[in-house]
Amino acid sequence: MKARHILTILILLSLQIAKANEPQGFPIIAWTLDTELFDATRFRDIHNAGFNACQCWCKTPEQMQAALYHAGTHGMKVIMYGDMIVFHPEKAAAFLKGNEAFWQYLLADEPKIKHWDNLNKLQARIKKSDPTAKCYINLFPNTGKALLKDIGVNSYPEYLREYSKLNLPQISFDFYPIHEKVVRSNPWYSTLDDIRKESLRTGKPFWAFVLCVPHGPYPMPTLAHLRLQCYVNLAYGAQAIQYFAYATPKPSGSNDFHDGPLLRNGKRSKTYKVVKKMNAELKPVASLFWQSKVTSIKHRKCIDGEVVESHFKKDGRRYTCFVNKSATKNVTVGLRPDDYLVRIRKNMKPELAKSSYTLSPGDILIMMNK
């Protein structure tokens, strides 16, 4: 009787999660595409790499139109930035609103407090012409007192509270934790803690970034590097994953960008295959986290390492996930049999739970709670 009961749960859960495997709207966003690369081939490659949205920088209405057309052909959404939005927002809104491929207006990336009044005015001008407009600003992470002083605040929570007064639909930030092959845990996790608290306080979802273009001390991305960034962000409750940068930016100062998924000559690099593999793995996992509610987070020590342990709810069910915090070493997670009945594999297929699992670097383990 007990075995039959467990089998019934597995079958029902499999049917339920199969629905979550369908497109649920979890944004996986490619940053950024240069204007000279707006053609059918480049957007097809973005779509085939597993992205359902991209951020484009456009100088002219013609470039905007090209980006929207090619993205829309593949069912992708566009976050748009360009001279028209900055200098002629009313014209930009009139041009962009109603286009099915258009998603949000990018107002600024990592602005300081002193710029926010002007950005709020820019948002107001856009909304006057397009009342349903969604605007987007990406924030700095908390990397210390020097940055906070430069931004114009005394603390990172103050920075986030001031940002929330702009009343944008989400909280977006970037931090790239893998630095010279070492995971910079303290700035990353403290930033995530503060971002999550502000998200809970305001009811606004938060978006996070993944680094996929090497430069300076940031190494060539491996699958383990991408897993660590994607799955930790999901565990904290991120409702979008953004990749910087899909298209390799021009080198600038000490930022010697190279080997992004799309090279500056328009060809795909070897990084493209790594990102594509990550997104194929990420999509079903992200669908389970999409519109879920993370109820608690803790960092748990294991015999051979440490994991992020996240408890979350989705569609009336309770789940726990564990993410290996190491980018280089395996970790073994021991579980109490009384806590979990079912493990959810990354392809969303359920199976009977075991008492322990070994996670490869950056990998995730998802359990359904009893």
Protein backbone atom coordinates (compact mmCIF):
# COMPACT_ATOMS: atom_id res chain seq x y z
CA MET A 1 0.00 0.00 0.00
CA LYS A 2 2.81 2.43 0.90
CA ALA A 3 4.66 1.69 -2.36
CA ARG A 4 1.45 2.26 -4.35
CA HIS A 5 0.90 5.58 -2.54
CA ILE A 6 4.43 6.73 -3.36
CA LEU A 7 4.02 5.68 -7.00
CA THR A 8 0.79 7.68 -7.25
CA ILE A 9 2.54 10.77 -5.87
CA LEU A 10 5.37 10.37 -8.38
CA ILE A 11 2.95 10.08 -11.32
CA LEU A 12 0.87 13.08 -10.23
CA LEU A 13 3.98 15.15 -9.57
CA SER A 14 5.39 14.22 -12.98
CA LEU A 15 2.22 15.46 -14.66
CA GLN A 16 2.22 18.68 -12.64
CA ILE A 17 5.87 19.50 -13.29
CA ALA A 18 5.51 18.70 -16.99
CA LYS A 19 3.28 21.78 -17.16
CA ALA A 20 6.02 23.82 -15.49
CA ASN A 21 8.34 22.62 -18.25
CA GLU A 22 6.25 24.49 -20.82
CA PRO A 23 7.16 28.16 -21.45
CA GLN A 24 6.29 29.93 -18.22
CA GLY A 25 7.85 33.28 -18.96
CA PHE A 26 11.00 32.99 -16.85
CA PRO A 27 13.29 35.56 -18.52
CA ILE A 28 16.72 34.40 -19.66
CA ILE A 29 18.20 37.57 -21.10
CA ALA A 30 21.17 38.14 -23.41
CA TRP A 31 23.07 41.42 -22.89
CA THR A 32 23.90 43.14 -25.29
CA LEU A 33 23.67 43.18 -29.06
CA ASP A 34 25.56 45.81 -31.05
CA THR A 35 23.67 47.68 -33.72
CA GLU A 36 25.81 46.34 -36.57
CA LEU A 37 24.80 42.80 -35.62
CA PHE A 38 21.04 43.23 -36.02
CA ASP A 39 20.34 40.52 -38.57
CA ALA A 40 18.39 37.29 -38.82
CA THR A 41 21.40 35.02 -38.20
CA ARG A 42 22.45 36.68 -34.93
CA PHE A 43 18.94 36.62 -33.46
CA ARG A 44 18.46 33.03 -34.55
CA ASP A 45 21.66 32.16 -32.68
CA ILE A 46 20.45 33.96 -29.55
CA HIS A 47 17.19 32.03 -29.66
CA ASN A 48 18.95 28.72 -30.31
CA ALA A 49 21.23 29.37 -27.33
CA GLY A 50 18.18 29.28 -25.07
CA PHE A 51 17.42 32.98 -24.55
CA ASN A 52 13.88 34.33 -24.65
CA ALA A 53 14.85 38.00 -24.33
CA CYS A 54 17.72 40.30 -25.23
CA GLN A 55 18.89 43.81 -24.51
CA CYS A 56 19.70 45.95 -27.54
CA TRP A 57 21.46 49.31 -27.90
CA CYS A 58 20.11 51.23 -30.87
CA LYS A 59 21.03 54.60 -32.33
CA THR A 60 18.24 55.05 -34.88
CA PRO A 61 14.58 54.08 -35.34
CA GLU A 62 15.68 51.84 -38.20
CA GLN A 63 17.96 49.89 -35.88
CA MET A 64 15.18 49.63 -33.32
CA GLN A 65 12.85 48.28 -35.97
CA ALA A 66 15.42 45.73 -37.14
CA ALA A 67 16.02 44.49 -33.60
CA LEU A 68 12.31 44.16 -32.86
CA TYR A 69 11.60 42.44 -36.16
CA HIS A 70 14.32 39.81 -35.84
CA ALA A 71 13.66 39.20 -32.13
CA GLY A 72 9.94 38.91 -32.73
CA THR A 73 10.51 36.38 -35.49
CA HIS A 74 11.84 34.03 -32.81
CA GLY A 75 9.32 34.96 -30.12
CA MET A 76 11.86 36.91 -28.06
CA LYS A 77 11.32 40.12 -26.13
CA VAL A 78 13.58 43.18 -26.32
CA ILE A 79 14.78 45.52 -23.58
CA MET A 80 15.65 48.64 -25.56
CA TYR A 81 18.19 51.37 -24.98
CA GLY A 82 19.27 54.12 -27.34
CA ASP A 83 19.64 57.79 -28.15
CA MET A 84 15.96 58.19 -28.97
CA ILE A 85 14.94 56.92 -25.53
CA VAL A 86 17.39 59.23 -23.76
CA PHE A 87 16.92 62.40 -25.80
CA HIS A 88 13.46 62.01 -27.35
CA PRO A 89 11.53 59.69 -25.01
CA GLU A 90 8.09 60.75 -26.27
CA LYS A 91 9.04 59.81 -29.84
CA ALA A 92 10.60 56.56 -28.64
CA ALA A 93 7.44 55.65 -26.73
CA ALA A 94 5.23 56.43 -29.69
CA PHE A 95 7.48 54.28 -31.86
CA LEU A 96 7.85 51.31 -29.49
CA LYS A 97 4.52 50.95 -27.70
CA GLY A 98 2.29 48.23 -29.01
CA ASN A 99 5.08 46.26 -30.65
CA GLU A 100 4.71 42.65 -29.52
CA ALA A 101 8.48 42.10 -29.35
CA PHE A 102 9.12 45.20 -27.22
CA TRP A 103 9.34 44.67 -23.47
CA GLN A 104 11.07 47.41 -21.43
CA TYR A 105 12.87 50.74 -21.73
CA LEU A 106 16.41 50.63 -20.32
CA LEU A 107 16.97 53.96 -18.58
CA ALA A 108 20.47 53.44 -17.14
CA ASP A 109 23.05 50.89 -16.04
CA GLU A 110 24.59 51.45 -12.58
CA PRO A 111 23.67 55.13 -12.13
CA LYS A 112 24.66 57.14 -9.07
CA ILE A 113 22.09 58.69 -6.73
CA LYS A 114 22.66 62.16 -8.19
CA HIS A 115 21.33 60.93 -11.55
CA TRP A 116 18.11 59.43 -10.23
CA ASP A 117 16.03 62.58 -10.30
CA ASN A 118 16.67 62.96 -14.02
CA LEU A 119 15.99 59.26 -14.55
CA ASN A 120 12.67 59.59 -12.73
CA LYS A 121 11.78 62.51 -14.99
CA LEU A 122 12.74 60.42 -18.02
CA GLN A 123 10.46 57.64 -16.83
CA ALA A 124 7.61 60.11 -16.35
CA ARG A 125 8.02 61.43 -19.92
CA ILE A 126 7.94 57.90 -21.29
CA LYS A 127 4.85 56.96 -19.26
CA LYS A 128 3.05 60.09 -20.42
CA SER A 129 3.22 58.77 -23.97
CA ASP A 130 3.04 55.08 -23.03
CA PRO A 131 1.10 54.62 -19.74
CA THR A 132 1.73 50.87 -19.71
CA ALA A 133 5.50 51.30 -20.14
CA LYS A 134 7.90 49.21 -18.08
CA CYS A 135 11.23 50.86 -17.37
CA TYR A 136 14.45 49.26 -16.22
CA ILE A 137 17.54 50.36 -14.27
CA ASN A 138 20.37 48.02 -13.27
CA LEU A 139 22.07 48.62 -9.91
CA PHE A 140 25.55 48.33 -8.47
CA PRO A 141 26.32 45.48 -6.05
CA ASN A 142 27.66 46.17 -2.58
CA THR A 143 31.44 46.01 -3.00
CA GLY A 144 32.36 48.21 -0.04
CA LYS A 145 32.50 51.67 1.50
CA ALA A 146 34.43 53.28 -1.36
CA LEU A 147 31.73 52.40 -3.88
CA LEU A 148 28.91 53.45 -1.55
CA LYS A 149 30.58 56.82 -1.03
CA ASP A 150 30.96 57.24 -4.78
CA ILE A 151 27.30 56.32 -5.33
CA GLY A 152 26.21 58.82 -2.68
CA VAL A 153 24.83 56.66 0.17
CA ASN A 154 25.91 55.51 3.61
CA SER A 155 24.76 51.90 3.30
CA TYR A 156 23.63 49.44 0.67
CA PRO A 157 20.11 49.03 2.15
CA GLU A 158 19.76 52.84 1.91
CA TYR A 159 20.76 52.63 -1.74
CA LEU A 160 18.09 50.01 -2.40
CA ARG A 161 15.40 51.94 -0.51
CA GLU A 162 16.16 55.08 -2.53
CA TYR A 163 15.98 53.05 -5.72
CA SER A 164 12.57 51.65 -4.76
CA LYS A 165 11.17 55.17 -4.67
CA LEU A 166 11.52 55.21 -8.47
CA ASN A 167 8.76 52.59 -8.56
CA LEU A 168 10.18 50.37 -11.28
CA PRO A 169 8.75 46.87 -11.85
CA GLN A 170 11.82 44.95 -10.68
CA ILE A 171 15.11 45.24 -8.79
CA SER A 172 18.09 44.35 -10.98
CA PHE A 173 21.72 44.13 -9.90
CA ASP A 174 24.96 42.63 -11.17
CA PHE A 175 27.81 40.94 -9.37
CA TYR A 176 30.38 38.57 -10.85
CA PRO A 177 31.68 36.33 -8.07
CA ILE A 178 34.34 34.27 -9.86
CA HIS A 179 37.49 36.35 -9.79
CA GLU A 180 40.81 34.75 -10.77
CA LYS A 181 39.09 31.36 -10.26
CA VAL A 182 38.22 32.25 -6.64
CA VAL A 183 34.62 32.76 -5.55
CA ARG A 184 34.26 36.13 -3.81
CA SER A 185 31.62 34.95 -1.37
CA ASN A 186 31.29 37.86 1.05
CA PRO A 187 30.31 40.68 -1.33
CA TRP A 188 28.10 38.34 -3.34
CA TYR A 189 26.07 36.78 -0.56
CA SER A 190 25.74 39.98 1.47
CA THR A 191 24.47 41.75 -1.65
CA LEU A 192 22.02 38.93 -2.33
CA ASP A 193 20.78 39.09 1.27
CA ASP A 194 20.07 42.82 0.99
CA ILE A 195 18.53 42.51 -2.49
CA ARG A 196 16.24 39.73 -1.30
CA LYS A 197 15.15 41.75 1.76
CA GLU A 198 14.29 44.75 -0.40
CA SER A 199 12.43 42.49 -2.81
CA LEU A 200 10.36 41.09 0.06
CA ARG A 201 9.78 44.58 1.52
CA THR A 202 8.49 46.03 -1.73
CA GLY A 203 6.93 42.96 -3.31
CA LYS A 204 9.04 43.56 -6.43
CA PRO A 205 10.88 40.62 -8.02
CA PHE A 206 14.62 40.83 -8.39
CA TRP A 207 16.78 40.02 -11.40
CA ALA A 208 20.39 38.84 -11.29
CA PHE A 209 23.33 38.60 -13.68
CA VAL A 210 25.71 35.87 -14.83
CA LEU A 211 29.10 36.68 -16.36
CA CYS A 212 29.89 34.95 -19.65
CA VAL A 213 32.50 37.28 -21.18
CA PRO A 214 36.05 36.97 -19.77
CA HIS A 215 38.10 40.10 -19.12
CA GLY A 216 40.87 41.12 -16.76
CA PRO A 217 40.82 38.85 -13.69
CA TYR A 218 37.54 37.20 -14.76
CA PRO A 219 38.36 33.83 -16.36
CA MET A 220 36.91 31.98 -19.31
CA PRO A 221 33.51 30.72 -18.13
CA THR A 222 33.11 27.01 -17.53
CA LEU A 223 29.84 25.15 -17.08
CA ALA A 224 30.59 25.02 -13.33
CA HIS A 225 31.03 28.82 -13.26
CA LEU A 226 27.68 29.37 -14.97
CA ARG A 227 25.92 26.78 -12.82
CA LEU A 228 27.14 28.39 -9.62
CA GLN A 229 25.93 31.83 -10.65
CA CYS A 230 22.59 30.70 -12.09
CA TYR A 231 21.62 28.31 -9.30
CA VAL A 232 22.67 30.47 -6.36
CA ASN A 233 20.66 33.35 -7.81
CA LEU A 234 17.66 31.07 -8.27
CA ALA A 235 18.03 29.75 -4.74
CA TYR A 236 17.81 33.31 -3.42
CA GLY A 237 14.65 33.91 -5.44
CA ALA A 238 15.83 35.63 -8.65
CA GLN A 239 13.04 35.89 -11.22
CA ALA A 240 15.28 36.52 -14.23
CA ILE A 241 18.80 35.51 -15.23
CA GLN A 242 20.76 38.00 -17.36
CA TYR A 243 23.99 37.15 -19.16
CA PHE A 244 26.67 39.81 -19.51
CA ALA A 245 27.63 39.97 -22.20
CA TYR A 246 26.34 37.79 -25.00
CA ALA A 247 27.97 40.01 -27.61
CA THR A 248 31.59 40.75 -26.74
CA PRO A 249 31.88 44.48 -25.88
CA LYS A 250 34.64 46.63 -27.28
CA PRO A 251 37.70 46.65 -24.98
CA SER A 252 37.70 49.71 -22.73
CA GLY A 253 40.56 50.63 -20.41
CA SER A 254 41.39 47.66 -18.20
CA ASN A 255 38.33 45.79 -19.46
CA ASP A 256 39.92 43.70 -22.20
CA PHE A 257 36.69 41.91 -23.12
CA HIS A 258 37.16 38.81 -25.25
CA ASP A 259 35.55 35.49 -26.13
CA GLY A 260 31.95 36.33 -25.32
CA PRO A 261 29.45 33.94 -26.95
CA LEU A 262 29.28 36.29 -29.95
CA LEU A 263 32.61 37.68 -31.11
CA ARG A 264 33.02 41.16 -32.49
CA ASN A 265 33.48 39.73 -35.99
CA GLY A 266 29.95 38.32 -35.78
CA LYS A 267 31.01 34.71 -35.31
CA ARG A 268 30.16 32.44 -32.41
CA SER A 269 32.95 31.58 -29.96
CA LYS A 270 33.51 28.40 -27.95
CA THR A 271 31.76 30.19 -25.06
CA TYR A 272 28.56 30.02 -27.10
CA LYS A 273 28.40 26.23 -26.68
CA VAL A 274 28.91 26.48 -22.91
CA VAL A 275 26.13 29.07 -22.58
CA LYS A 276 23.81 27.05 -24.80
CA LYS A 277 24.38 23.95 -22.68
CA MET A 278 23.77 25.93 -19.49
CA ASN A 279 20.52 27.39 -20.77
CA ALA A 280 19.23 23.99 -21.91
CA GLU A 281 19.78 22.79 -18.34
CA LEU A 282 18.53 26.01 -16.76
CA LYS A 283 15.18 26.33 -18.54
CA PRO A 284 13.27 23.50 -16.83
CA VAL A 285 14.86 24.29 -13.45
CA ALA A 286 13.99 27.98 -13.76
CA SER A 287 10.39 27.09 -14.62
CA LEU A 288 10.04 25.52 -11.17
CA PHE A 289 11.42 28.67 -9.50
CA TRP A 290 9.35 31.01 -11.69
CA GLN A 291 6.82 32.85 -9.50
CA SER A 292 7.79 30.74 -6.50
CA LYS A 293 8.31 32.18 -3.03
CA VAL A 294 11.58 31.63 -1.20
CA THR A 295 10.76 31.35 2.51
CA SER A 296 14.23 30.93 4.01
CA ILE A 297 17.92 30.78 3.12
CA LYS A 298 20.86 29.40 5.04
CA HIS A 299 24.44 28.35 4.35
CA ARG A 300 25.00 24.79 5.49
CA LYS A 301 28.35 23.15 6.14
CA CYS A 302 28.91 19.62 4.89
CA ILE A 303 31.85 17.30 5.57
CA ASP A 304 33.54 18.19 2.29
CA GLY A 305 32.26 21.69 1.58
CA GLU A 306 29.33 24.06 1.94
CA VAL A 307 25.97 24.55 0.24
CA VAL A 308 23.31 27.22 -0.02
CA GLU A 309 20.10 25.71 1.35
CA SER A 310 16.92 27.38 0.12
CA HIS A 311 13.32 26.60 1.06
CA PHE A 312 10.61 27.72 -1.35
CA LYS A 313 6.94 27.26 -2.21
CA LYS A 314 5.32 26.76 -5.60
CA ASP A 315 1.71 25.88 -6.45
CA GLY A 316 0.92 24.74 -2.91
CA ARG A 317 3.96 22.48 -2.60
CA ARG A 318 7.11 23.00 -0.53
CA TYR A 319 10.60 22.41 -1.88
CA THR A 320 14.18 22.60 -0.68
CA CYS A 321 17.18 23.11 -2.93
CA PHE A 322 20.88 22.83 -2.21
CA VAL A 323 23.56 24.53 -4.33
CA ASN A 324 27.24 23.63 -4.12
CA LYS A 325 29.07 26.87 -3.27
CA SER A 326 32.34 25.68 -4.77
CA ALA A 327 33.28 26.31 -8.40
CA THR A 328 35.94 23.58 -8.33
CA LYS A 329 35.08 20.80 -5.83
CA ASN A 330 32.29 18.28 -5.28
CA VAL A 331 30.25 18.33 -2.10
CA THR A 332 28.12 15.59 -0.53
CA VAL A 333 24.78 16.56 1.00
CA GLY A 334 23.31 14.25 3.63
CA LEU A 335 19.52 14.26 4.08
CA ARG A 336 17.16 13.05 6.77
CA PRO A 337 14.79 10.43 5.31
CA ASP A 338 11.87 11.89 7.26
CA ASP A 339 12.18 15.28 5.51
CA TYR A 340 11.91 14.38 1.84
CA LEU A 341 9.95 11.88 -0.22
CA VAL A 342 10.88 12.88 -3.77
CA ARG A 343 13.87 14.32 -5.57
CA ILE A 344 13.17 16.53 -8.60
CA ARG A 345 15.81 16.01 -11.25
CA LYS A 346 16.97 18.96 -13.37
CA ASN A 347 14.83 17.69 -16.24
CA MET A 348 11.90 18.00 -13.81
CA LYS A 349 11.35 14.25 -13.56
CA PRO A 350 10.67 13.06 -10.00
CA GLU A 351 12.30 10.06 -8.35
CA LEU A 352 12.39 8.52 -4.90
CA ALA A 353 14.70 10.35 -2.52
CA LYS A 354 18.01 8.94 -1.28
CA SER A 355 19.81 9.73 1.96
CA SER A 356 22.72 11.58 0.32
CA TYR A 357 23.79 13.15 -2.97
CA THR A 358 27.12 14.30 -4.35
CA LEU A 359 26.92 17.63 -6.18
CA SER A 360 29.47 18.67 -8.78
CA PRO A 361 30.85 22.25 -8.64
CA GLY A 362 28.06 24.84 -8.70
CA ASP A 363 25.36 22.23 -9.18
CA ILE A 364 21.87 22.10 -7.67
CA LEU A 365 19.84 19.44 -5.86
CA ILE A 366 16.05 19.92 -5.62
CA MET A 367 13.89 17.99 -3.16
CA MET A 368 10.16 18.07 -2.59
CA ASN A 369 9.30 18.35 1.11
CA LYS A 370 6.92 15.90 2.76
